[in-house]
Amino acid sequence: MNKKIVIRVRITETLHVDLLKQAQHAGVTLSELVRQRVVNKPVVSRADVDAAKSIDKIGRMLKHYYPKDKDWANAEDKRKWWQLAEELRETARSIRRGGKR
């Protein structure tokens, strides 16, 4: 994306400090934070992205470690196992979208 237009905005020192803290917390630049806010995109922090990766990894591990023995549990427990794996993956997708389902 070619970013050639500069928009100048006057804000208070307090707001500037607050925005800097928010950008730092989200792991993005101040410019990126303001750009995302202007277009009403959710600001997804780097920590949230990392958490989503970890949650997704747990979901995949559940699928990978699914017991091969058919008698390990009853049908209800097996259904719960797969439901948990899918809920973890959906949670990760939701985090990546900024909390929107």
PDB file of N, CA and C in Angstrom:
ATOM      1  N   MET A   1       0.856  -1.166   0.000  1.00  0.00           N
ATOM      2  CA  MET A   1       0.000   0.000   0.000  1.00  0.00           C
ATOM      3  C   MET A   1       0.904   1.231   0.000  1.00  0.00           C
ATOM      4  N   ASN A   2       0.704   2.116  -0.978  1.00  0.00           N
ATOM      5  CA  ASN A   2       1.451   3.366  -1.026  1.00  0.00           C
ATOM      6  C   ASN A   2       0.795   4.395  -0.135  1.00  0.00           C
ATOM      7  N   LYS A   3       1.513   4.798   0.879  1.00  0.00           N
ATOM      8  CA  LYS A   3       0.983   5.789   1.819  1.00  0.00           C
ATOM      9  C   LYS A   3       1.663   7.112   1.520  1.00  0.00           C
ATOM     10  N   LYS A   4       0.986   7.977   0.774  1.00  0.00           N
ATOM     11  CA  LYS A   4       1.586   9.241   0.368  1.00  0.00           C
ATOM     12  C   LYS A   4       0.908  10.453   0.983  1.00  0.00           C
ATOM     13  N   ILE A   5      -0.298  10.297   1.469  1.00  0.00           N
ATOM     14  CA  ILE A   5      -1.047  11.418   2.019  1.00  0.00           C
ATOM     15  C   ILE A   5      -0.798  11.505   3.515  1.00  0.00           C
ATOM     16  N   VAL A   6      -0.507  12.695   3.995  1.00  0.00           N
ATOM     17  CA  VAL A   6      -0.303  12.925   5.424  1.00  0.00           C
ATOM     18  C   VAL A   6      -1.456  13.781   5.922  1.00  0.00           C
ATOM     19  N   ILE A   7      -2.095  13.329   6.981  1.00  0.00           N
ATOM     20  CA  ILE A   7      -3.189  14.079   7.598  1.00  0.00           C
ATOM     21  C   ILE A   7      -2.703  14.560   8.952  1.00  0.00           C
ATOM     22  N   ARG A   8      -2.773  15.840   9.165  1.00  0.00           N
ATOM     23  CA  ARG A   8      -2.332  16.409  10.442  1.00  0.00           C
ATOM     24  C   ARG A   8      -3.552  16.653  11.322  1.00  0.00           C
ATOM     25  N   VAL A   9      -3.424  16.282  12.563  1.00  0.00           N
ATOM     26  CA  VAL A   9      -4.518  16.435  13.523  1.00  0.00           C
ATOM     27  C   VAL A   9      -3.950  17.028  14.798  1.00  0.00           C
ATOM     28  N   ARG A  10      -4.656  17.971  15.376  1.00  0.00           N
ATOM     29  CA  ARG A  10      -4.232  18.553  16.652  1.00  0.00           C
ATOM     30  C   ARG A  10      -4.945  17.813  17.780  1.00  0.00           C
ATOM     31  N   ILE A  11      -4.154  17.348  18.734  1.00  0.00           N
ATOM     32  CA  ILE A  11      -4.712  16.674  19.902  1.00  0.00           C
ATOM     33  C   ILE A  11      -3.995  17.172  21.149  1.00  0.00           C
ATOM     34  N   THR A  12      -4.581  16.888  22.294  1.00  0.00           N
ATOM     35  CA  THR A  12      -3.959  17.302  23.552  1.00  0.00           C
ATOM     36  C   THR A  12      -2.776  16.393  23.867  1.00  0.00           C
ATOM     37  N   GLU A  13      -1.906  16.883  24.721  1.00  0.00           N
ATOM     38  CA  GLU A  13      -0.753  16.087  25.153  1.00  0.00           C
ATOM     39  C   GLU A  13      -1.223  14.808  25.845  1.00  0.00           C
ATOM     40  N   THR A  14      -2.277  14.931  26.645  1.00  0.00           N
ATOM     41  CA  THR A  14      -2.820  13.774  27.364  1.00  0.00           C
ATOM     42  C   THR A  14      -3.306  12.702  26.391  1.00  0.00           C
ATOM     43  N   LEU A  15      -4.038  13.128  25.367  1.00  0.00           N
ATOM     44  CA  LEU A  15      -4.534  12.176  24.371  1.00  0.00           C
ATOM     45  C   LEU A  15      -3.368  11.548  23.607  1.00  0.00           C
ATOM     46  N   HIS A  16      -2.359  12.342  23.305  1.00  0.00           N
ATOM     47  CA  HIS A  16      -1.184  11.828  22.602  1.00  0.00           C
ATOM     48  C   HIS A  16      -0.496  10.736  23.416  1.00  0.00           C
ATOM     49  N   VAL A  17      -0.300  10.991  24.695  1.00  0.00           N
ATOM     50  CA  VAL A  17       0.329   9.995  25.573  1.00  0.00           C
ATOM     51  C   VAL A  17      -0.534   8.738  25.643  1.00  0.00           C
ATOM     52  N   ASP A  18      -1.848   8.928  25.753  1.00  0.00           N
ATOM     53  CA  ASP A  18      -2.767   7.789  25.818  1.00  0.00           C
ATOM     54  C   ASP A  18      -2.700   6.954  24.533  1.00  0.00           C
ATOM     55  N   LEU A  19      -2.698   7.617  23.387  1.00  0.00           N
ATOM     56  CA  LEU A  19      -2.616   6.895  22.117  1.00  0.00           C
ATOM     57  C   LEU A  19      -1.285   6.157  21.977  1.00  0.00           C
ATOM     58  N   LEU A  20      -0.198   6.785  22.421  1.00  0.00           N
ATOM     59  CA  LEU A  20       1.104   6.117  22.378  1.00  0.00           C
ATOM     60  C   LEU A  20       1.097   4.850  23.226  1.00  0.00           C
ATOM     61  N   LYS A  21       0.487   4.931  24.412  1.00  0.00           N
ATOM     62  CA  LYS A  21       0.404   3.756  25.285  1.00  0.00           C
ATOM     63  C   LYS A  21      -0.431   2.653  24.634  1.00  0.00           C
ATOM     64  N   GLN A  22      -1.551   3.049  24.019  1.00  0.00           N
ATOM     65  CA  GLN A  22      -2.406   2.063  23.355  1.00  0.00           C
ATOM     66  C   GLN A  22      -1.674   1.388  22.197  1.00  0.00           C
ATOM     67  N   ALA A  23      -0.938   2.182  21.427  1.00  0.00           N
ATOM     68  CA  ALA A  23      -0.183   1.625  20.301  1.00  0.00           C
ATOM     69  C   ALA A  23       0.893   0.671  20.804  1.00  0.00           C
ATOM     70  N   GLN A  24       1.579   1.070  21.860  1.00  0.00           N
ATOM     71  CA  GLN A  24       2.626   0.217  22.422  1.00  0.00           C
ATOM     72  C   GLN A  24       2.020  -1.085  22.944  1.00  0.00           C
ATOM     73  N   HIS A  25       0.898  -0.974  23.637  1.00  0.00           N
ATOM     74  CA  HIS A  25       0.225  -2.167  24.177  1.00  0.00           C
ATOM     75  C   HIS A  25      -0.207  -3.112  23.049  1.00  0.00           C
ATOM     76  N   ALA A  26      -0.675  -2.532  21.941  1.00  0.00           N
ATOM     77  CA  ALA A  26      -1.128  -3.346  20.808  1.00  0.00           C
ATOM     78  C   ALA A  26       0.037  -3.837  19.958  1.00  0.00           C
ATOM     79  N   GLY A  27       1.229  -3.276  20.177  1.00  0.00           N
ATOM     80  CA  GLY A  27       2.389  -3.696  19.399  1.00  0.00           C
ATOM     81  C   GLY A  27       2.395  -3.151  17.984  1.00  0.00           C
ATOM     82  N   VAL A  28       1.771  -1.987  17.789  1.00  0.00           N
ATOM     83  CA  VAL A  28       1.736  -1.351  16.472  1.00  0.00           C
ATOM     84  C   VAL A  28       2.248   0.077  16.601  1.00  0.00           C
ATOM     85  N   THR A  29       2.523   0.694  15.470  1.00  0.00           N
ATOM     86  CA  THR A  29       2.956   2.088  15.502  1.00  0.00           C
ATOM     87  C   THR A  29       1.757   2.987  15.774  1.00  0.00           C
ATOM     88  N   LEU A  30       2.049   4.208  16.177  1.00  0.00           N
ATOM     89  CA  LEU A  30       0.978   5.180  16.406  1.00  0.00           C
ATOM     90  C   LEU A  30       0.208   5.413  15.109  1.00  0.00           C
ATOM     91  N   SER A  31       0.926   5.520  13.998  1.00  0.00           N
ATOM     92  CA  SER A  31       0.268   5.726  12.703  1.00  0.00           C
ATOM     93  C   SER A  31      -0.685   4.581  12.374  1.00  0.00           C
ATOM     94  N   GLU A  32      -0.239   3.350  12.604  1.00  0.00           N
ATOM     95  CA  GLU A  32      -1.088   2.192  12.311  1.00  0.00           C
ATOM     96  C   GLU A  32      -2.316   2.170  13.215  1.00  0.00           C
ATOM     97  N   LEU A  33      -2.133   2.492  14.486  1.00  0.00           N
ATOM     98  CA  LEU A  33      -3.258   2.540  15.417  1.00  0.00           C
ATOM     99  C   LEU A  33      -4.297   3.550  14.940  1.00  0.00           C
ATOM    100  N   VAL A  34      -3.848   4.745  14.588  1.00  0.00           N
ATOM    101  CA  VAL A  34      -4.770   5.798  14.142  1.00  0.00           C
ATOM    102  C   VAL A  34      -5.432   5.396  12.831  1.00  0.00           C
ATOM    103  N   ARG A  35      -4.662   4.804  11.899  1.00  0.00           N
ATOM    104  CA  ARG A  35      -5.247   4.350  10.628  1.00  0.00           C
ATOM    105  C   ARG A  35      -6.366   3.346  10.871  1.00  0.00           C
ATOM    106  N   GLN A  36      -6.126   2.385  11.750  1.00  0.00           N
ATOM    107  CA  GLN A  36      -7.144   1.371  12.024  1.00  0.00           C
ATOM    108  C   GLN A  36      -8.367   1.985  12.688  1.00  0.00           C
ATOM    109  N   ARG A  37      -8.151   2.948  13.551  1.00  0.00           N
ATOM    110  CA  ARG A  37      -9.282   3.604  14.207  1.00  0.00           C
ATOM    111  C   ARG A  37     -10.106   4.412  13.208  1.00  0.00           C
ATOM    112  N   VAL A  38      -9.430   5.065  12.272  1.00  0.00           N
ATOM    113  CA  VAL A  38     -10.122   5.908  11.295  1.00  0.00           C
ATOM    114  C   VAL A  38     -11.057   5.075  10.425  1.00  0.00           C
ATOM    115  N   VAL A  39     -10.639   3.883  10.057  1.00  0.00           N
ATOM    116  CA  VAL A  39     -11.472   3.043   9.191  1.00  0.00           C
ATOM    117  C   VAL A  39     -12.308   2.047   9.992  1.00  0.00           C
ATOM    118  N   ASN A  40     -12.402   2.263  11.294  1.00  0.00           N
ATOM    119  CA  ASN A  40     -13.221   1.437  12.191  1.00  0.00           C
ATOM    120  C   ASN A  40     -12.829  -0.030  12.203  1.00  0.00           C
ATOM    121  N   LYS A  41     -11.571  -0.311  11.983  1.00  0.00           N
ATOM    122  CA  LYS A  41     -11.091  -1.683  12.119  1.00  0.00           C
ATOM    123  C   LYS A  41     -10.736  -1.917  13.575  1.00  0.00           C
ATOM    124  N   PRO A  42     -10.964  -3.120  14.071  1.00  0.00           N
ATOM    125  CA  PRO A  42     -10.519  -3.395  15.440  1.00  0.00           C
ATOM    126  C   PRO A  42      -8.995  -3.418  15.488  1.00  0.00           C
ATOM    127  N   VAL A  43      -8.439  -2.916  16.562  1.00  0.00           N
ATOM    128  CA  VAL A  43      -6.996  -2.935  16.738  1.00  0.00           C
ATOM    129  C   VAL A  43      -6.659  -4.213  17.498  1.00  0.00           C
ATOM    130  N   VAL A  44      -6.092  -5.171  16.796  1.00  0.00           N
ATOM    131  CA  VAL A  44      -5.745  -6.455  17.394  1.00  0.00           C
ATOM    132  C   VAL A  44      -4.282  -6.394  17.801  1.00  0.00           C
ATOM    133  N   SER A  45      -4.031  -6.539  19.083  1.00  0.00           N
ATOM    134  CA  SER A  45      -2.654  -6.428  19.570  1.00  0.00           C
ATOM    135  C   SER A  45      -1.834  -7.640  19.157  1.00  0.00           C
ATOM    136  N   ARG A  46      -0.531  -7.464  19.150  1.00  0.00           N
ATOM    137  CA  ARG A  46       0.376  -8.570  18.833  1.00  0.00           C
ATOM    138  C   ARG A  46       0.209  -9.695  19.860  1.00  0.00           C
ATOM    139  N   ALA A  47      -0.035  -9.304  21.110  1.00  0.00           N
ATOM    140  CA  ALA A  47      -0.245 -10.315  22.160  1.00  0.00           C
ATOM    141  C   ALA A  47      -1.477 -11.153  21.837  1.00  0.00           C
ATOM    142  N   ASP A  48      -2.538 -10.512  21.320  1.00  0.00           N
ATOM    143  CA  ASP A  48      -3.742 -11.251  20.947  1.00  0.00           C
ATOM    144  C   ASP A  48      -3.460 -12.212  19.795  1.00  0.00           C
ATOM    145  N   VAL A  49      -2.661 -11.762  18.846  1.00  0.00           N
ATOM    146  CA  VAL A  49      -2.306 -12.624  17.715  1.00  0.00           C
ATOM    147  C   VAL A  49      -1.530 -13.838  18.216  1.00  0.00           C
ATOM    148  N   ASP A  50      -0.586 -13.607  19.132  1.00  0.00           N
ATOM    149  CA  ASP A  50       0.184 -14.718  19.698  1.00  0.00           C
ATOM    150  C   ASP A  50      -0.711 -15.662  20.497  1.00  0.00           C
ATOM    151  N   ALA A  51      -1.654 -15.091  21.248  1.00  0.00           N
ATOM    152  CA  ALA A  51      -2.589 -15.922  22.014  1.00  0.00           C
ATOM    153  C   ALA A  51      -3.439 -16.763  21.067  1.00  0.00           C
ATOM    154  N   ALA A  52      -3.883 -16.154  19.974  1.00  0.00           N
ATOM    155  CA  ALA A  52      -4.688 -16.888  18.998  1.00  0.00           C
ATOM    156  C   ALA A  52      -3.898 -18.054  18.413  1.00  0.00           C
ATOM    157  N   LYS A  53      -2.610 -17.822  18.132  1.00  0.00           N
ATOM    158  CA  LYS A  53      -1.775 -18.905  17.605  1.00  0.00           C
ATOM    159  C   LYS A  53      -1.663 -20.044  18.612  1.00  0.00           C
ATOM    160  N   SER A  54      -1.484 -19.690  19.880  1.00  0.00           N
ATOM    161  CA  SER A  54      -1.358 -20.720  20.920  1.00  0.00           C
ATOM    162  C   SER A  54      -2.654 -21.504  21.090  1.00  0.00           C
ATOM    163  N   ILE A  55      -3.771 -20.798  21.092  1.00  0.00           N
ATOM    164  CA  ILE A  55      -5.075 -21.460  21.238  1.00  0.00           C
ATOM    165  C   ILE A  55      -5.326 -22.384  20.047  1.00  0.00           C
ATOM    166  N   ASP A  56      -5.004 -21.895  18.852  1.00  0.00           N
ATOM    167  CA  ASP A  56      -5.176 -22.704  17.650  1.00  0.00           C
ATOM    168  C   ASP A  56      -4.297 -23.953  17.709  1.00  0.00           C
ATOM    169  N   LYS A  57      -3.096 -23.784  18.212  1.00  0.00           N
ATOM    170  CA  LYS A  57      -2.171 -24.916  18.340  1.00  0.00           C
ATOM    171  C   LYS A  57      -2.732 -25.972  19.291  1.00  0.00           C
ATOM    172  N   ILE A  58      -3.320 -25.534  20.400  1.00  0.00           N
ATOM    173  CA  ILE A  58      -3.929 -26.470  21.349  1.00  0.00           C
ATOM    174  C   ILE A  58      -5.071 -27.231  20.673  1.00  0.00           C
ATOM    175  N   GLY A  59      -5.879 -26.506  19.889  1.00  0.00           N
ATOM    176  CA  GLY A  59      -6.968 -27.161  19.168  1.00  0.00           C
ATOM    177  C   GLY A  59      -6.467 -28.228  18.211  1.00  0.00           C
ATOM    178  N   ARG A  60      -5.377 -27.917  17.497  1.00  0.00           N
ATOM    179  CA  ARG A  60      -4.801 -28.913  16.579  1.00  0.00           C
ATOM    180  C   ARG A  60      -4.210 -30.090  17.340  1.00  0.00           C
ATOM    181  N   MET A  61      -3.602 -29.808  18.501  1.00  0.00           N
ATOM    182  CA  MET A  61      -3.038 -30.892  19.308  1.00  0.00           C
ATOM    183  C   MET A  61      -4.134 -31.832  19.790  1.00  0.00           C
ATOM    184  N   LEU A  62      -5.283 -31.271  20.175  1.00  0.00           N
ATOM    185  CA  LEU A  62      -6.393 -32.125  20.600  1.00  0.00           C
ATOM    186  C   LEU A  62      -6.802 -33.072  19.472  1.00  0.00           C
ATOM    187  N   LYS A  63      -6.833 -32.531  18.261  1.00  0.00           N
ATOM    188  CA  LYS A  63      -7.202 -33.357  17.115  1.00  0.00           C
ATOM    189  C   LYS A  63      -6.147 -34.441  16.883  1.00  0.00           C
ATOM    190  N   HIS A  64      -4.881 -34.044  16.988  1.00  0.00           N
ATOM    191  CA  HIS A  64      -3.776 -34.975  16.740  1.00  0.00           C
ATOM    192  C   HIS A  64      -3.719 -36.086  17.791  1.00  0.00           C
ATOM    193  N   TYR A  65      -3.987 -35.736  19.033  1.00  0.00           N
ATOM    194  CA  TYR A  65      -3.878 -36.714  20.122  1.00  0.00           C
ATOM    195  C   TYR A  65      -5.188 -37.431  20.428  1.00  0.00           C
ATOM    196  N   TYR A  66      -6.139 -37.341  19.525  1.00  0.00           N
ATOM    197  CA  TYR A  66      -7.397 -38.053  19.705  1.00  0.00           C
ATOM    198  C   TYR A  66      -7.093 -39.544  19.833  1.00  0.00           C
ATOM    199  N   PRO A  67      -7.560 -40.179  20.905  1.00  0.00           N
ATOM    200  CA  PRO A  67      -7.247 -41.605  21.125  1.00  0.00           C
ATOM    201  C   PRO A  67      -7.731 -42.480  19.965  1.00  0.00           C
ATOM    202  N   LYS A  68      -6.879 -43.387  19.560  1.00  0.00           N
ATOM    203  CA  LYS A  68      -7.212 -44.291  18.446  1.00  0.00           C
ATOM    204  C   LYS A  68      -8.075 -45.468  18.906  1.00  0.00           C
ATOM    205  N   ASP A  69      -8.003 -45.785  20.186  1.00  0.00           N
ATOM    206  CA  ASP A  69      -8.790 -46.882  20.747  1.00  0.00           C
ATOM    207  C   ASP A  69     -10.264 -46.489  20.740  1.00  0.00           C
ATOM    208  N   LYS A  70     -11.096 -47.262  20.092  1.00  0.00           N
ATOM    209  CA  LYS A  70     -12.511 -46.929  19.963  1.00  0.00           C
ATOM    210  C   LYS A  70     -13.267 -47.002  21.281  1.00  0.00           C
ATOM    211  N   ASP A  71     -12.731 -47.721  22.253  1.00  0.00           N
ATOM    212  CA  ASP A  71     -13.436 -47.900  23.523  1.00  0.00           C
ATOM    213  C   ASP A  71     -12.976 -46.929  24.612  1.00  0.00           C
ATOM    214  N   TRP A  72     -12.262 -45.877  24.252  1.00  0.00           N
ATOM    215  CA  TRP A  72     -11.715 -44.976  25.275  1.00  0.00           C
ATOM    216  C   TRP A  72     -12.793 -44.153  25.961  1.00  0.00           C
ATOM    217  N   ALA A  73     -13.914 -43.919  25.297  1.00  0.00           N
ATOM    218  CA  ALA A  73     -14.975 -43.107  25.903  1.00  0.00           C
ATOM    219  C   ALA A  73     -16.297 -43.417  25.216  1.00  0.00           C
ATOM    220  N   ASN A  74     -17.369 -42.936  25.854  1.00  0.00           N
ATOM    221  CA  ASN A  74     -18.678 -43.123  25.231  1.00  0.00           C
ATOM    222  C   ASN A  74     -18.894 -42.044  24.165  1.00  0.00           C
ATOM    223  N   ALA A  75     -19.977 -42.150  23.439  1.00  0.00           N
ATOM    224  CA  ALA A  75     -20.250 -41.235  22.328  1.00  0.00           C
ATOM    225  C   ALA A  75     -20.340 -39.783  22.797  1.00  0.00           C
ATOM    226  N   GLU A  76     -20.934 -39.557  23.964  1.00  0.00           N
ATOM    227  CA  GLU A  76     -21.076 -38.192  24.492  1.00  0.00           C
ATOM    228  C   GLU A  76     -19.715 -37.572  24.787  1.00  0.00           C
ATOM    229  N   ASP A  77     -18.806 -38.322  25.390  1.00  0.00           N
ATOM    230  CA  ASP A  77     -17.466 -37.804  25.684  1.00  0.00           C
ATOM    231  C   ASP A  77     -16.689 -37.516  24.397  1.00  0.00           C
ATOM    232  N   LYS A  78     -16.848 -38.360  23.405  1.00  0.00           N
ATOM    233  CA  LYS A  78     -16.178 -38.127  22.126  1.00  0.00           C
ATOM    234  C   LYS A  78     -16.705 -36.848  21.473  1.00  0.00           C
ATOM    235  N   ARG A  79     -18.024 -36.656  21.559  1.00  0.00           N
ATOM    236  CA  ARG A  79     -18.625 -35.445  20.996  1.00  0.00           C
ATOM    237  C   ARG A  79     -18.085 -34.210  21.702  1.00  0.00           C
ATOM    238  N   LYS A  80     -17.952 -34.290  23.032  1.00  0.00           N
ATOM    239  CA  LYS A  80     -17.412 -33.157  23.803  1.00  0.00           C
ATOM    240  C   LYS A  80     -15.969 -32.859  23.410  1.00  0.00           C
ATOM    241  N   TRP A  81     -15.175 -33.902  23.162  1.00  0.00           N
ATOM    242  CA  TRP A  81     -13.772 -33.744  22.748  1.00  0.00           C
ATOM    243  C   TRP A  81     -13.698 -32.907  21.466  1.00  0.00           C
ATOM    244  N   TRP A  82     -14.484 -33.319  20.467  1.00  0.00           N
ATOM    245  CA  TRP A  82     -14.449 -32.611  19.187  1.00  0.00           C
ATOM    246  C   TRP A  82     -15.054 -31.221  19.305  1.00  0.00           C
ATOM    247  N   GLN A  83     -16.052 -31.057  20.152  1.00  0.00           N
ATOM    248  CA  GLN A  83     -16.652 -29.742  20.361  1.00  0.00           C
ATOM    249  C   GLN A  83     -15.623 -28.795  20.981  1.00  0.00           C
ATOM    250  N   LEU A  84     -14.860 -29.275  21.945  1.00  0.00           N
ATOM    251  CA  LEU A  84     -13.825 -28.457  22.573  1.00  0.00           C
ATOM    252  C   LEU A  84     -12.771 -28.039  21.552  1.00  0.00           C
ATOM    253  N   ALA A  85     -12.335 -28.980  20.725  1.00  0.00           N
ATOM    254  CA  ALA A  85     -11.333 -28.660  19.703  1.00  0.00           C
ATOM    255  C   ALA A  85     -11.859 -27.580  18.763  1.00  0.00           C
ATOM    256  N   GLU A  86     -13.109 -27.693  18.338  1.00  0.00           N
ATOM    257  CA  GLU A  86     -13.691 -26.704  17.431  1.00  0.00           C
ATOM    258  C   GLU A  86     -13.893 -25.360  18.130  1.00  0.00           C
ATOM    259  N   GLU A  87     -14.298 -25.357  19.389  1.00  0.00           N
ATOM    260  CA  GLU A  87     -14.473 -24.105  20.129  1.00  0.00           C
ATOM    261  C   GLU A  87     -13.142 -23.370  20.296  1.00  0.00           C
ATOM    262  N   LEU A  88     -12.073 -24.113  20.529  1.00  0.00           N
ATOM    263  CA  LEU A  88     -10.753 -23.485  20.635  1.00  0.00           C
ATOM    264  C   LEU A  88     -10.355 -22.840  19.315  1.00  0.00           C
ATOM    265  N   ARG A  89     -10.566 -23.521  18.228  1.00  0.00           N
ATOM    266  CA  ARG A  89     -10.207 -22.966  16.916  1.00  0.00           C
ATOM    267  C   ARG A  89     -11.079 -21.762  16.582  1.00  0.00           C
ATOM    268  N   GLU A  90     -12.371 -21.794  16.955  1.00  0.00           N
ATOM    269  CA  GLU A  90     -13.259 -20.651  16.712  1.00  0.00           C
ATOM    270  C   GLU A  90     -12.845 -19.464  17.575  1.00  0.00           C
ATOM    271  N   THR A  91     -12.419 -19.727  18.810  1.00  0.00           N
ATOM    272  CA  THR A  91     -11.930 -18.653  19.676  1.00  0.00           C
ATOM    273  C   THR A  91     -10.711 -17.991  19.055  1.00  0.00           C
ATOM    274  N   ALA A  92      -9.807 -18.773  18.520  1.00  0.00           N
ATOM    275  CA  ALA A  92      -8.617 -18.224  17.864  1.00  0.00           C
ATOM    276  C   ALA A  92      -9.013 -17.369  16.662  1.00  0.00           C
ATOM    277  N   ARG A  93      -9.959 -17.842  15.859  1.00  0.00           N
ATOM    278  CA  ARG A  93     -10.421 -17.056  14.701  1.00  0.00           C
ATOM    279  C   ARG A  93     -11.057 -15.754  15.163  1.00  0.00           C
ATOM    280  N   SER A  94     -11.828 -15.813  16.233  1.00  0.00           N
ATOM    281  CA  SER A  94     -12.488 -14.624  16.769  1.00  0.00           C
ATOM    282  C   SER A  94     -11.470 -13.593  17.247  1.00  0.00           C
ATOM    283  N   ILE A  95     -10.427 -14.056  17.915  1.00  0.00           N
ATOM    284  CA  ILE A  95      -9.381 -13.139  18.384  1.00  0.00           C
ATOM    285  C   ILE A  95      -8.716 -12.462  17.196  1.00  0.00           C
ATOM    286  N   ARG A  96      -8.449 -13.224  16.159  1.00  0.00           N
ATOM    287  CA  ARG A  96      -7.804 -12.640  14.973  1.00  0.00           C
ATOM    288  C   ARG A  96      -8.680 -11.586  14.309  1.00  0.00           C
ATOM    289  N   ARG A  97      -9.997 -11.727  14.427  1.00  0.00           N
ATOM    290  CA  ARG A  97     -10.918 -10.750  13.837  1.00  0.00           C
ATOM    291  C   ARG A  97     -11.207  -9.596  14.783  1.00  0.00           C
ATOM    292  N   GLY A  98     -10.527  -9.552  15.906  1.00  0.00           N
ATOM    293  CA  GLY A  98     -10.745  -8.465  16.855  1.00  0.00           C
ATOM    294  C   GLY A  98     -11.930  -8.693  17.762  1.00  0.00           C
ATOM    295  N   GLY A  99     -12.265  -9.939  18.014  1.00  0.00           N
ATOM    296  CA  GLY A  99     -13.341 -10.259  18.940  1.00  0.00           C
ATOM    297  C   GLY A  99     -14.703 -10.380  18.299  1.00  0.00           C
ATOM    298  N   LYS A 100     -14.785 -10.192  16.976  1.00  0.00           N
ATOM    299  CA  LYS A 100     -16.083 -10.295  16.296  1.00  0.00           C
ATOM    300  C   LYS A 100     -16.317 -11.724  15.852  1.00  0.00           C
ATOM    301  N   ARG A 101     -17.506 -12.240  16.113  1.00  0.00           N
ATOM    302  CA  ARG A 101     -17.855 -13.608  15.710  1.00  0.00           C
ATOM    303  C   ARG A 101     -18.549 -13.610  14.383  1.00  0.00           C
TER     304      ARG A 101
END
